[in-house]
Each structure stands twice: as C-alpha cells, then as structure tokens.
All heavy atoms as atom14 arrays in JSON, in Angstrom:
{
  "sequence": "ADTAPDLAYAANSLRLADGVPPLPVEILRPLASQGARGLLK",
  "atom14_mask": [
    [1, 1, 1, 1, 1, 0, 0, 0, 0, 0, 0, 0, 0, 0],
    [1, 1, 1, 1, 1, 1, 1, 1, 0, 0, 0, 0, 0, 0],
    [1, 1, 1, 1, 1, 1, 1, 0, 0, 0, 0, 0, 0, 0],
    [1, 1, 1, 1, 1, 0, 0, 0, 0, 0, 0, 0, 0, 0],
    [1, 1, 1, 1, 1, 1, 1, 0, 0, 0, 0, 0, 0, 0],
    [1, 1, 1, 1, 1, 1, 1, 1, 0, 0, 0, 0, 0, 0],
    [1, 1, 1, 1, 1, 1, 1, 1, 0, 0, 0, 0, 0, 0],
    [1, 1, 1, 1, 1, 0, 0, 0, 0, 0, 0, 0, 0, 0],
    [1, 1, 1, 1, 1, 1, 1, 1, 1, 1, 1, 1, 0, 0],
    [1, 1, 1, 1, 1, 0, 0, 0, 0, 0, 0, 0, 0, 0],
    [1, 1, 1, 1, 1, 0, 0, 0, 0, 0, 0, 0, 0, 0],
    [1, 1, 1, 1, 1, 1, 1, 1, 0, 0, 0, 0, 0, 0],
    [1, 1, 1, 1, 1, 1, 0, 0, 0, 0, 0, 0, 0, 0],
    [1, 1, 1, 1, 1, 1, 1, 1, 0, 0, 0, 0, 0, 0],
    [1, 1, 1, 1, 1, 1, 1, 1, 1, 1, 1, 0, 0, 0],
    [1, 1, 1, 1, 1, 1, 1, 1, 0, 0, 0, 0, 0, 0],
    [1, 1, 1, 1, 1, 0, 0, 0, 0, 0, 0, 0, 0, 0],
    [1, 1, 1, 1, 1, 1, 1, 1, 0, 0, 0, 0, 0, 0],
    [1, 1, 1, 1, 0, 0, 0, 0, 0, 0, 0, 0, 0, 0],
    [1, 1, 1, 1, 1, 1, 1, 0, 0, 0, 0, 0, 0, 0],
    [1, 1, 1, 1, 1, 1, 1, 0, 0, 0, 0, 0, 0, 0],
    [1, 1, 1, 1, 1, 1, 1, 0, 0, 0, 0, 0, 0, 0],
    [1, 1, 1, 1, 1, 1, 1, 1, 0, 0, 0, 0, 0, 0],
    [1, 1, 1, 1, 1, 1, 1, 0, 0, 0, 0, 0, 0, 0],
    [1, 1, 1, 1, 1, 1, 1, 0, 0, 0, 0, 0, 0, 0],
    [1, 1, 1, 1, 1, 1, 1, 1, 1, 0, 0, 0, 0, 0],
    [1, 1, 1, 1, 1, 1, 1, 1, 0, 0, 0, 0, 0, 0],
    [1, 1, 1, 1, 1, 1, 1, 1, 0, 0, 0, 0, 0, 0],
    [1, 1, 1, 1, 1, 1, 1, 1, 1, 1, 1, 0, 0, 0],
    [1, 1, 1, 1, 1, 1, 1, 0, 0, 0, 0, 0, 0, 0],
    [1, 1, 1, 1, 1, 1, 1, 1, 0, 0, 0, 0, 0, 0],
    [1, 1, 1, 1, 1, 0, 0, 0, 0, 0, 0, 0, 0, 0],
    [1, 1, 1, 1, 1, 1, 0, 0, 0, 0, 0, 0, 0, 0],
    [1, 1, 1, 1, 1, 1, 1, 1, 1, 0, 0, 0, 0, 0],
    [1, 1, 1, 1, 0, 0, 0, 0, 0, 0, 0, 0, 0, 0],
    [1, 1, 1, 1, 1, 0, 0, 0, 0, 0, 0, 0, 0, 0],
    [1, 1, 1, 1, 1, 1, 1, 1, 1, 1, 1, 0, 0, 0],
    [1, 1, 1, 1, 0, 0, 0, 0, 0, 0, 0, 0, 0, 0],
    [1, 1, 1, 1, 1, 1, 1, 1, 0, 0, 0, 0, 0, 0],
    [1, 1, 1, 1, 1, 1, 1, 1, 0, 0, 0, 0, 0, 0],
    [1, 1, 1, 1, 1, 1, 1, 1, 1, 0, 0, 0, 0, 0]
  ],
  "atom14_positions": [
    [[0.46, -9.39, 12.12], [1.64, -9.24, 11.27], [1.6, -7.96, 10.54], [0.63, -7.46, 10.06], [1.71, -10.37, 10.28], [0.0, 0.0, 0.0], [0.0, 0.0, 0.0], [0.0, 0.0, 0.0], [0.0, 0.0, 0.0], [0.0, 0.0, 0.0], [0.0, 0.0, 0.0], [0.0, 0.0, 0.0], [0.0, 0.0, 0.0], [0.0, 0.0, 0.0]],
    [[2.8, -7.33, 10.42], [2.98, -6.09, 9.71], [3.29, -6.55, 8.21], [4.45, -6.71, 7.82], [4.09, -5.26, 10.22], [4.26, -3.95, 9.46], [3.44, -3.62, 8.64], [5.25, -3.18, 9.77], [0.0, 0.0, 0.0], [0.0, 0.0, 0.0], [0.0, 0.0, 0.0], [0.0, 0.0, 0.0], [0.0, 0.0, 0.0], [0.0, 0.0, 0.0]],
    [[2.21, -6.67, 7.44], [2.34, -7.1, 6.06], [2.47, -6.02, 5.11], [2.67, -6.16, 3.89], [1.11, -7.95, 5.65], [-0.08, -7.15, 5.82], [1.03, -9.19, 6.48], [0.0, 0.0, 0.0], [0.0, 0.0, 0.0], [0.0, 0.0, 0.0], [0.0, 0.0, 0.0], [0.0, 0.0, 0.0], [0.0, 0.0, 0.0], [0.0, 0.0, 0.0]],
    [[2.4, -4.78, 5.57], [2.41, -3.6, 4.69], [3.59, -3.47, 3.79], [3.41, -3.08, 2.62], [2.21, -2.29, 5.54], [0.0, 0.0, 0.0], [0.0, 0.0, 0.0], [0.0, 0.0, 0.0], [0.0, 0.0, 0.0], [0.0, 0.0, 0.0], [0.0, 0.0, 0.0], [0.0, 0.0, 0.0], [0.0, 0.0, 0.0], [0.0, 0.0, 0.0]],
    [[4.79, -3.74, 4.23], [5.97, -3.59, 3.31], [5.86, -4.44, 2.05], [6.14, -4.0, 0.96], [7.14, -4.01, 4.19], [6.73, -3.68, 5.59], [5.25, -4.04, 5.62], [0.0, 0.0, 0.0], [0.0, 0.0, 0.0], [0.0, 0.0, 0.0], [0.0, 0.0, 0.0], [0.0, 0.0, 0.0], [0.0, 0.0, 0.0], [0.0, 0.0, 0.0]],
    [[5.4, -5.72, 2.22], [5.29, -6.61, 1.04], [4.13, -6.27, 0.21], [4.2, -6.39, -1.02], [5.22, -8.09, 1.49], [6.61, -8.55, 2.11], [7.65, -8.02, 1.59], [6.54, -9.35, 3.06], [0.0, 0.0, 0.0], [0.0, 0.0, 0.0], [0.0, 0.0, 0.0], [0.0, 0.0, 0.0], [0.0, 0.0, 0.0], [0.0, 0.0, 0.0]],
    [[3.04, -5.81, 0.79], [1.88, -5.43, 0.05], [2.26, -4.12, -0.72], [1.81, -3.96, -1.94], [0.67, -5.12, 0.89], [0.04, -6.45, 1.48], [-0.9, -6.11, 2.65], [-0.79, -7.13, 0.37], [0.0, 0.0, 0.0], [0.0, 0.0, 0.0], [0.0, 0.0, 0.0], [0.0, 0.0, 0.0], [0.0, 0.0, 0.0], [0.0, 0.0, 0.0]],
    [[2.95, -3.23, -0.14], [3.38, -1.97, -0.8], [4.32, -2.27, -1.96], [4.23, -1.68, -2.94], [4.03, -1.03, 0.25], [0.0, 0.0, 0.0], [0.0, 0.0, 0.0], [0.0, 0.0, 0.0], [0.0, 0.0, 0.0], [0.0, 0.0, 0.0], [0.0, 0.0, 0.0], [0.0, 0.0, 0.0], [0.0, 0.0, 0.0], [0.0, 0.0, 0.0]],
    [[5.18, -3.3, -1.71], [6.11, -3.65, -2.8], [5.3, -4.14, -4.03], [5.66, -3.78, -5.21], [7.03, -4.8, -2.32], [7.85, -5.34, -3.44], [9.09, -4.82, -3.85], [7.41, -6.51, -4.08], [9.83, -5.33, -4.89], [8.14, -7.07, -5.17], [9.31, -6.5, -5.54], [10.06, -7.03, -6.57], [0.0, 0.0, 0.0], [0.0, 0.0, 0.0]],
    [[4.27, -4.91, -3.81], [3.47, -5.42, -4.91], [2.81, -4.27, -5.64], [2.72, -4.2, -6.85], [2.47, -6.45, -4.45], [0.0, 0.0, 0.0], [0.0, 0.0, 0.0], [0.0, 0.0, 0.0], [0.0, 0.0, 0.0], [0.0, 0.0, 0.0], [0.0, 0.0, 0.0], [0.0, 0.0, 0.0], [0.0, 0.0, 0.0], [0.0, 0.0, 0.0]],
    [[2.28, -3.35, -4.84], [1.58, -2.16, -5.48], [2.57, -1.26, -6.17], [2.27, -0.84, -7.35], [0.84, -1.32, -4.35], [0.0, 0.0, 0.0], [0.0, 0.0, 0.0], [0.0, 0.0, 0.0], [0.0, 0.0, 0.0], [0.0, 0.0, 0.0], [0.0, 0.0, 0.0], [0.0, 0.0, 0.0], [0.0, 0.0, 0.0], [0.0, 0.0, 0.0]],
    [[3.71, -1.06, -5.6], [4.79, -0.25, -6.37], [5.35, -0.88, -7.51], [5.8, -0.26, -8.42], [5.84, 0.13, -5.34], [5.48, 1.37, -4.47], [4.82, 2.25, -4.97], [5.89, 1.36, -3.23], [0.0, 0.0, 0.0], [0.0, 0.0, 0.0], [0.0, 0.0, 0.0], [0.0, 0.0, 0.0], [0.0, 0.0, 0.0], [0.0, 0.0, 0.0]],
    [[5.28, -2.26, -7.57], [5.77, -2.96, -8.71], [4.92, -2.64, -9.97], [5.47, -2.6, -11.03], [5.72, -4.48, -8.45], [6.69, -4.84, -7.49], [0.0, 0.0, 0.0], [0.0, 0.0, 0.0], [0.0, 0.0, 0.0], [0.0, 0.0, 0.0], [0.0, 0.0, 0.0], [0.0, 0.0, 0.0], [0.0, 0.0, 0.0], [0.0, 0.0, 0.0]],
    [[3.65, -2.4, -9.74], [2.78, -2.0, -10.84], [3.2, -0.59, -11.33], [3.25, -0.36, -12.52], [1.28, -1.98, -10.38], [0.59, -3.28, -10.0], [-0.81, -3.0, -9.55], [0.65, -4.27, -11.2], [0.0, 0.0, 0.0], [0.0, 0.0, 0.0], [0.0, 0.0, 0.0], [0.0, 0.0, 0.0], [0.0, 0.0, 0.0], [0.0, 0.0, 0.0]],
    [[3.44, 0.24, -10.38], [3.85, 1.59, -10.76], [5.18, 1.63, -11.55], [5.33, 2.25, -12.56], [3.98, 2.51, -9.55], [2.68, 2.8, -8.87], [2.85, 3.59, -7.53], [3.53, 4.88, -7.74], [2.85, 6.01, -7.99], [1.5, 6.02, -8.11], [3.53, 7.13, -8.14], [0.0, 0.0, 0.0], [0.0, 0.0, 0.0], [0.0, 0.0, 0.0]],
    [[6.13, 0.85, -11.05], [7.41, 0.77, -11.71], [7.34, 0.18, -13.11], [7.96, 0.62, -14.03], [8.44, -0.02, -10.85], [8.9, 0.64, -9.54], [9.56, -0.4, -8.63], [9.71, 1.83, -9.84], [0.0, 0.0, 0.0], [0.0, 0.0, 0.0], [0.0, 0.0, 0.0], [0.0, 0.0, 0.0], [0.0, 0.0, 0.0], [0.0, 0.0, 0.0]],
    [[6.46, -0.86, -13.24], [6.29, -1.48, -14.54], [5.69, -0.5, -15.53], [5.87, -0.59, -16.75], [5.4, -2.7, -14.4], [0.0, 0.0, 0.0], [0.0, 0.0, 0.0], [0.0, 0.0, 0.0], [0.0, 0.0, 0.0], [0.0, 0.0, 0.0], [0.0, 0.0, 0.0], [0.0, 0.0, 0.0], [0.0, 0.0, 0.0], [0.0, 0.0, 0.0]],
    [[4.92, 0.52, -15.02], [4.32, 1.47, -15.9], [5.22, 2.75, -15.96], [4.73, 3.76, -16.55], [2.92, 1.87, -15.38], [1.9, 0.71, -15.47], [2.16, -0.21, -16.32], [0.94, 0.69, -14.64], [0.0, 0.0, 0.0], [0.0, 0.0, 0.0], [0.0, 0.0, 0.0], [0.0, 0.0, 0.0], [0.0, 0.0, 0.0], [0.0, 0.0, 0.0]],
    [[6.41, 2.68, -15.49], [7.23, 3.81, -15.53], [7.0, 4.96, -14.59], [7.41, 6.09, -14.82], [0.0, 0.0, 0.0], [0.0, 0.0, 0.0], [0.0, 0.0, 0.0], [0.0, 0.0, 0.0], [0.0, 0.0, 0.0], [0.0, 0.0, 0.0], [0.0, 0.0, 0.0], [0.0, 0.0, 0.0], [0.0, 0.0, 0.0], [0.0, 0.0, 0.0]],
    [[6.3, 4.62, -13.53], [5.93, 5.68, -12.44], [6.74, 5.38, -11.2], [6.86, 4.23, -10.8], [4.41, 5.58, -12.15], [3.99, 6.71, -11.14], [3.56, 5.72, -13.47], [0.0, 0.0, 0.0], [0.0, 0.0, 0.0], [0.0, 0.0, 0.0], [0.0, 0.0, 0.0], [0.0, 0.0, 0.0], [0.0, 0.0, 0.0], [0.0, 0.0, 0.0]],
    [[7.25, 6.45, -10.6], [8.09, 6.23, -9.38], [7.18, 5.51, -8.27], [6.02, 5.81, -8.13], [8.44, 7.62, -8.94], [8.35, 8.43, -10.23], [7.23, 7.81, -11.03], [0.0, 0.0, 0.0], [0.0, 0.0, 0.0], [0.0, 0.0, 0.0], [0.0, 0.0, 0.0], [0.0, 0.0, 0.0], [0.0, 0.0, 0.0], [0.0, 0.0, 0.0]],
    [[7.84, 4.79, -7.39], [7.11, 4.12, -6.29], [6.65, 5.15, -5.25], [7.26, 6.18, -5.09], [8.11, 3.19, -5.69], [9.44, 3.8, -6.04], [9.24, 4.42, -7.37], [0.0, 0.0, 0.0], [0.0, 0.0, 0.0], [0.0, 0.0, 0.0], [0.0, 0.0, 0.0], [0.0, 0.0, 0.0], [0.0, 0.0, 0.0], [0.0, 0.0, 0.0]],
    [[5.6, 4.73, -4.51], [5.14, 5.61, -3.39], [5.77, 5.15, -2.16], [6.14, 4.0, -1.98], [3.65, 5.44, -3.21], [2.72, 6.0, -4.4], [1.29, 5.61, -4.09], [2.85, 7.48, -4.39], [0.0, 0.0, 0.0], [0.0, 0.0, 0.0], [0.0, 0.0, 0.0], [0.0, 0.0, 0.0], [0.0, 0.0, 0.0], [0.0, 0.0, 0.0]],
    [[6.04, 6.07, -1.18], [6.57, 5.68, 0.08], [5.68, 4.69, 0.82], [4.45, 4.77, 0.7], [6.59, 7.01, 0.91], [6.66, 8.05, -0.11], [5.78, 7.52, -1.27], [0.0, 0.0, 0.0], [0.0, 0.0, 0.0], [0.0, 0.0, 0.0], [0.0, 0.0, 0.0], [0.0, 0.0, 0.0], [0.0, 0.0, 0.0], [0.0, 0.0, 0.0]],
    [[6.24, 3.71, 1.5], [5.5, 2.69, 2.22], [4.47, 3.37, 3.14], [3.33, 2.85, 3.33], [6.35, 1.68, 2.97], [5.6, 0.75, 3.8], [7.25, 0.94, 2.01], [0.0, 0.0, 0.0], [0.0, 0.0, 0.0], [0.0, 0.0, 0.0], [0.0, 0.0, 0.0], [0.0, 0.0, 0.0], [0.0, 0.0, 0.0], [0.0, 0.0, 0.0]],
    [[4.85, 4.42, 3.81], [3.98, 5.04, 4.8], [2.7, 5.62, 4.2], [1.67, 5.71, 4.88], [4.76, 6.16, 5.54], [5.88, 5.65, 6.43], [5.42, 4.49, 7.3], [4.32, 4.57, 7.96], [6.15, 3.49, 7.33], [0.0, 0.0, 0.0], [0.0, 0.0, 0.0], [0.0, 0.0, 0.0], [0.0, 0.0, 0.0], [0.0, 0.0, 0.0]],
    [[2.69, 5.89, 2.85], [1.49, 6.38, 2.21], [0.52, 5.16, 2.02], [-0.75, 5.29, 2.14], [1.84, 7.06, 0.83], [2.44, 8.39, 1.11], [0.52, 7.22, 0.04], [2.86, 9.15, -0.14], [0.0, 0.0, 0.0], [0.0, 0.0, 0.0], [0.0, 0.0, 0.0], [0.0, 0.0, 0.0], [0.0, 0.0, 0.0], [0.0, 0.0, 0.0]],
    [[1.15, 4.0, 1.69], [0.28, 2.8, 1.4], [-0.06, 2.05, 2.71], [-1.09, 1.32, 2.69], [1.03, 1.88, 0.49], [1.31, 2.51, -0.91], [2.21, 1.59, -1.72], [0.0, 2.8, -1.7], [0.0, 0.0, 0.0], [0.0, 0.0, 0.0], [0.0, 0.0, 0.0], [0.0, 0.0, 0.0], [0.0, 0.0, 0.0], [0.0, 0.0, 0.0]],
    [[0.67, 2.27, 3.81], [0.47, 1.49, 5.01], [-0.96, 1.48, 5.51], [-1.49, 0.41, 5.84], [1.47, 1.97, 6.09], [1.3, 1.2, 7.44], [2.35, 1.67, 8.41], [3.67, 1.22, 7.97], [4.16, 0.07, 8.22], [3.45, -0.83, 8.96], [5.4, -0.28, 7.85], [0.0, 0.0, 0.0], [0.0, 0.0, 0.0], [0.0, 0.0, 0.0]],
    [[-1.64, 2.65, 5.66], [-3.0, 2.71, 6.18], [-4.0, 1.9, 5.34], [-5.05, 1.57, 5.92], [-3.32, 4.18, 6.22], [-2.02, 4.91, 6.14], [-1.18, 4.05, 5.36], [0.0, 0.0, 0.0], [0.0, 0.0, 0.0], [0.0, 0.0, 0.0], [0.0, 0.0, 0.0], [0.0, 0.0, 0.0], [0.0, 0.0, 0.0], [0.0, 0.0, 0.0]],
    [[-3.63, 1.58, 4.09], [-4.58, 0.96, 3.18], [-4.32, -0.58, 3.18], [-5.03, -1.33, 2.47], [-4.48, 1.49, 1.83], [-4.71, 3.05, 1.76], [-4.34, 3.55, 0.31], [-6.13, 3.38, 2.04], [0.0, 0.0, 0.0], [0.0, 0.0, 0.0], [0.0, 0.0, 0.0], [0.0, 0.0, 0.0], [0.0, 0.0, 0.0], [0.0, 0.0, 0.0]],
    [[-3.28, -1.04, 3.89], [-2.89, -2.44, 3.76], [-4.05, -3.39, 4.14], [-4.15, -4.46, 3.6], [-1.63, -2.77, 4.58], [0.0, 0.0, 0.0], [0.0, 0.0, 0.0], [0.0, 0.0, 0.0], [0.0, 0.0, 0.0], [0.0, 0.0, 0.0], [0.0, 0.0, 0.0], [0.0, 0.0, 0.0], [0.0, 0.0, 0.0], [0.0, 0.0, 0.0]],
    [[-4.82, -2.99, 5.18], [-5.91, -3.89, 5.58], [-7.06, -3.97, 4.6], [-7.87, -4.91, 4.64], [-6.51, -3.43, 6.94], [-5.6, -3.66, 7.99], [0.0, 0.0, 0.0], [0.0, 0.0, 0.0], [0.0, 0.0, 0.0], [0.0, 0.0, 0.0], [0.0, 0.0, 0.0], [0.0, 0.0, 0.0], [0.0, 0.0, 0.0], [0.0, 0.0, 0.0]],
    [[-7.04, -3.06, 3.62], [-8.14, -3.13, 2.61], [-7.73, -3.98, 1.41], [-8.51, -4.05, 0.45], [-8.35, -1.69, 2.15], [-8.84, -0.74, 3.29], [-9.14, 0.64, 2.83], [-9.33, 0.89, 1.69], [-9.04, 1.56, 3.78], [0.0, 0.0, 0.0], [0.0, 0.0, 0.0], [0.0, 0.0, 0.0], [0.0, 0.0, 0.0], [0.0, 0.0, 0.0]],
    [[-6.55, -4.53, 1.4], [-6.11, -5.4, 0.32], [-5.99, -4.74, -0.98], [-5.74, -3.49, -1.07], [0.0, 0.0, 0.0], [0.0, 0.0, 0.0], [0.0, 0.0, 0.0], [0.0, 0.0, 0.0], [0.0, 0.0, 0.0], [0.0, 0.0, 0.0], [0.0, 0.0, 0.0], [0.0, 0.0, 0.0], [0.0, 0.0, 0.0], [0.0, 0.0, 0.0]],
    [[-6.23, -5.47, -2.09], [-5.99, -4.95, -3.42], [-6.82, -3.76, -3.71], [-6.4, -2.78, -4.35], [-6.24, -6.09, -4.47], [0.0, 0.0, 0.0], [0.0, 0.0, 0.0], [0.0, 0.0, 0.0], [0.0, 0.0, 0.0], [0.0, 0.0, 0.0], [0.0, 0.0, 0.0], [0.0, 0.0, 0.0], [0.0, 0.0, 0.0], [0.0, 0.0, 0.0]],
    [[-8.03, -3.76, -3.31], [-9.01, -2.69, -3.58], [-8.43, -1.31, -3.13], [-8.39, -0.4, -3.87], [-10.34, -2.98, -2.93], [-11.4, -1.91, -3.24], [-12.66, -2.17, -2.42], [-13.21, -3.48, -2.75], [-14.35, -3.68, -3.5], [-14.98, -2.63, -3.94], [-14.77, -4.86, -3.73], [0.0, 0.0, 0.0], [0.0, 0.0, 0.0], [0.0, 0.0, 0.0]],
    [[-8.02, -1.27, -1.83], [-7.48, -0.01, -1.33], [-6.17, 0.41, -1.84], [-5.87, 1.54, -2.16], [0.0, 0.0, 0.0], [0.0, 0.0, 0.0], [0.0, 0.0, 0.0], [0.0, 0.0, 0.0], [0.0, 0.0, 0.0], [0.0, 0.0, 0.0], [0.0, 0.0, 0.0], [0.0, 0.0, 0.0], [0.0, 0.0, 0.0], [0.0, 0.0, 0.0]],
    [[-5.28, -0.63, -2.01], [-3.91, -0.34, -2.46], [-3.87, 0.09, -3.96], [-3.18, 0.98, -4.3], [-3.06, -1.57, -2.29], [-2.73, -1.84, -0.8], [-2.19, -3.27, -0.65], [-1.66, -0.81, -0.29], [0.0, 0.0, 0.0], [0.0, 0.0, 0.0], [0.0, 0.0, 0.0], [0.0, 0.0, 0.0], [0.0, 0.0, 0.0], [0.0, 0.0, 0.0]],
    [[-4.7, -0.54, -4.77], [-4.78, -0.17, -6.19], [-5.31, 1.2, -6.4], [-4.93, 1.98, -7.36], [-5.51, -1.24, -7.02], [-4.83, -2.59, -7.14], [-5.67, -3.53, -7.96], [-3.42, -2.43, -7.72], [0.0, 0.0, 0.0], [0.0, 0.0, 0.0], [0.0, 0.0, 0.0], [0.0, 0.0, 0.0], [0.0, 0.0, 0.0], [0.0, 0.0, 0.0]],
    [[-6.27, 1.59, -5.56], [-6.85, 2.92, -5.69], [-5.79, 3.98, -5.45], [-5.73, 4.98, -6.19], [-8.05, 3.1, -4.76], [-8.7, 4.45, -4.86], [-9.9, 4.6, -3.9], [-10.53, 5.96, -3.98], [-11.74, 6.09, -3.02], [0.0, 0.0, 0.0], [0.0, 0.0, 0.0], [0.0, 0.0, 0.0], [0.0, 0.0, 0.0], [0.0, 0.0, 0.0]]
  ]
}
C-alpha cells in the first residue's frame, strides 16, 4: 500500500499546528517506511 500521503498528512499537521508551512509529499515519501522516527526528523 502507498501509505505515504496519509503519513505525510499527519507529519504536516504537526507543522501546521506550529505555524510552519507543510512539506511536499514527495519530500516525505522516501521516509514513510521509517514511520514516526523518520518522518518527525
């Protein structure tokens, strides 16, 4: 499954809550298999 869009949404939700613009999904996509650890970094 291509779960990257929903994982990226969760990561970008943190950025938006902190007043930071979201990152493009393609930047976060390679890190999706690493879960929270890779995405939060």
